[in-house]
């Protein structure tokens, strides 16, 4: 069974999507339609912008989404998913690819999400850190204990792969957590270059803003199950998909659990659709035996 997976923020690179644009009339049409929907030339930044310009949340999220969904569309009959999943932002790409969302509605929601998250980041300073070399249970338990002890917001945000958890929280809370996990023997505990604490209570204002937009958007019954970040479980029910998508902004990304559940449910091959190879690396660390590859046209 083929599992198609879609990357999230951080997979962007200068020139992304240009090869797609030049190789396919369908891709060209979709990129032009995206410019019209967004009201600015995102293709100009994607194809010719600097790494710094691509880092802006309002650019990054729609750019990665466009690269992923246009690649899936251009694959045509070669895109035959039995199941899909996306990491954080990538969940929106997965939902367009499995026909739960239209291209236009997906792009509008992604842009709304990017702007709402940026606004939430601007309200109060917050950040994230990667903790590597400790088991998930230890990171989760110690994070809760430290938050209770210090009164700071500190939560487990991304369960990325075996031995790699990203935590989110206040700047002071994350600084304290980094030192704490180093004393516990973490191989690495390092602050990430992000604009705020994603998948944490700091994203509550963004969640409220995005909730309204999601509730007003029509979702179809998808062509295959989507394994969602907030639950790590498959869903084909539009209302359940909507609720999980709303919860995603303040809930941890259960990626390790998602991949394990997809394997348990029969996935025999993982194909990453979009820029970069981040998810392939994470999946290989979860199960080295499983075939992983990049989608191509």
Foldseek 3Di string as FASTA:
>chain_A
DEEEEAEAFPLAAAQQPVVVCVPDPQLVVLQVVLCVLVVHNLVCCRRPNHPVVCQQLLNVLLSQLSQQLSLLVVCPPVNDHQEYEYFQSRRLSRQCSQQQAPPSLSSVLSNLLSVLQLVLLVVAPKFKKKFFDDAPVVLQVVQVVLCVVPVWFKHFAEPQAGRITMIITHPVSLVVSLVVSVVVPTPHIGTDPHSHGWQAPSSVRSLVSSLVSLVPGGTDQGNHWYQAQQHLDTDRDSVVSSVSSSNSRNHHGHNLSNLVVVVVVPHQEYEYGGGDCVSVVRSCRSPVPGHYYYRGD
